[in-house]
Amino acid sequence: MNRKLYRFHSDPGHGWLEVNLQELWDLDIHEKVSHFSYEKLGTVYLEEDCDATLFFEAYKKLNGHFPEIEEVMHDNKAPFRNFPRFDSKELDLLHGR
């Protein structure tokens, strides 16, 4: 993986790192991501406490550095809070894995 800019979203209650779904499989962490993260149309919003940290560590292990972050603030509830919760087993079936 090359250097890439990732968006870190936060609203008044919490924060999430926006990543491409395929990256979770590429880093072999998809089965460790919790149901506190959200997914829609190939984009995953990793909750900040465990799932984003898991991603950061796996990314650093592969690339030798942490990813670059751009912060996005939401004044109200982040819109992806209404997206489906992340479920790696369901996504495996949908994508034929």
Protein backbone atom coordinates (compact mmCIF):
# COMPACT_ATOMS: atom_id res chain seq x y z
CA MET A 1 0.00 0.00 0.00
CA ASN A 2 1.19 3.47 -0.86
CA ARG A 3 0.71 6.59 1.24
CA LYS A 4 -2.89 7.57 1.23
CA LEU A 5 -4.96 10.20 2.98
CA TYR A 6 -7.76 8.85 5.18
CA ARG A 7 -10.70 10.80 6.58
CA PHE A 8 -11.36 10.69 10.30
CA HIS A 9 -14.96 11.71 10.97
CA SER A 10 -16.24 12.89 14.33
CA ASP A 11 -19.57 14.10 15.63
CA PRO A 12 -20.44 15.33 19.11
CA GLY A 13 -20.56 11.73 20.38
CA HIS A 14 -17.85 9.67 18.68
CA GLY A 15 -15.35 9.24 15.83
CA TRP A 16 -14.74 6.91 12.88
CA LEU A 17 -12.03 6.30 10.31
CA GLU A 18 -13.28 6.00 6.71
CA VAL A 19 -11.59 3.18 4.76
CA ASN A 20 -12.26 1.10 1.68
CA LEU A 21 -13.74 -2.32 2.46
CA GLN A 22 -11.09 -4.14 0.42
CA GLU A 23 -8.34 -2.71 2.63
CA LEU A 24 -9.68 -4.69 5.60
CA TRP A 25 -9.19 -7.92 3.64
CA ASP A 26 -5.81 -6.76 2.30
CA LEU A 27 -4.64 -6.15 5.89
CA ASP A 28 -6.30 -9.41 7.05
CA ILE A 29 -8.24 -7.67 9.82
CA HIS A 30 -11.81 -7.93 8.47
CA GLU A 31 -12.76 -10.69 10.92
CA LYS A 32 -11.61 -8.56 13.87
CA VAL A 33 -13.72 -5.48 13.08
CA SER A 34 -16.64 -5.05 15.49
CA HIS A 35 -20.33 -4.35 14.94
CA PHE A 36 -19.69 -0.81 16.24
CA SER A 37 -18.42 0.12 12.78
CA TYR A 38 -20.61 0.86 9.77
CA GLU A 39 -20.44 -0.18 6.10
CA LYS A 40 -22.19 0.86 2.93
CA LEU A 41 -21.29 0.41 -0.73
CA GLY A 42 -17.71 -0.67 -0.06
CA THR A 43 -16.87 2.07 2.42
CA VAL A 44 -16.37 1.21 6.09
CA TYR A 45 -16.46 3.67 8.98
CA LEU A 46 -14.27 2.12 11.67
CA GLU A 47 -15.19 3.21 15.18
CA GLU A 48 -12.36 5.04 16.86
CA ASP A 49 -11.75 3.06 20.05
CA CYS A 50 -10.93 -0.42 18.79
CA ASP A 51 -11.51 -0.80 15.07
CA ALA A 52 -9.62 2.29 13.87
CA THR A 53 -6.76 1.42 16.22
CA LEU A 54 -6.70 -2.10 14.76
CA PHE A 55 -6.47 -0.59 11.28
CA PHE A 56 -3.73 1.87 12.27
CA GLU A 57 -1.55 -0.89 13.74
CA ALA A 58 -2.02 -3.23 10.75
CA TYR A 59 -1.35 -0.38 8.33
CA LYS A 60 1.85 0.57 10.15
CA LYS A 61 3.03 -3.04 10.26
CA LEU A 62 2.63 -3.30 6.48
CA ASN A 63 3.85 0.17 5.50
CA GLY A 64 6.29 1.16 8.25
CA HIS A 65 4.33 4.30 9.14
CA PHE A 66 0.87 5.34 10.24
CA PRO A 67 -1.56 6.63 7.60
CA GLU A 68 -2.11 10.32 7.02
CA ILE A 69 -5.38 11.65 8.43
CA GLU A 70 -7.73 14.44 7.41
CA GLU A 71 -10.30 15.39 10.04
CA VAL A 72 -13.95 15.88 9.11
CA MET A 73 -16.22 17.37 11.77
CA HIS A 74 -19.98 16.79 11.80
CA ASP A 75 -21.94 19.32 13.87
CA ASN A 76 -24.80 16.88 14.32
CA LYS A 77 -25.09 13.11 14.23
CA ALA A 78 -22.78 11.70 11.51
CA PRO A 79 -24.92 10.51 8.56
CA PHE A 80 -23.36 7.06 8.41
CA ARG A 81 -24.70 6.24 11.88
CA ASN A 82 -27.80 5.19 9.92
CA PHE A 83 -25.83 2.79 7.68
CA PRO A 84 -25.80 -0.98 8.30
CA ARG A 85 -23.45 -2.24 10.99
CA PHE A 86 -20.28 -3.96 9.79
CA ASP A 87 -20.59 -7.76 9.54
CA SER A 88 -17.60 -9.54 7.99
CA LYS A 89 -19.41 -12.87 7.62
CA GLU A 90 -22.30 -11.30 5.73
CA LEU A 91 -19.89 -9.35 3.52
CA ASP A 92 -17.91 -12.54 2.81
CA LEU A 93 -21.09 -14.12 1.44
CA LEU A 94 -22.02 -11.05 -0.60
CA HIS A 95 -18.58 -10.84 -2.19
CA GLY A 96 -18.11 -14.59 -2.70
CA ARG A 97 -15.26 -14.97 -0.23
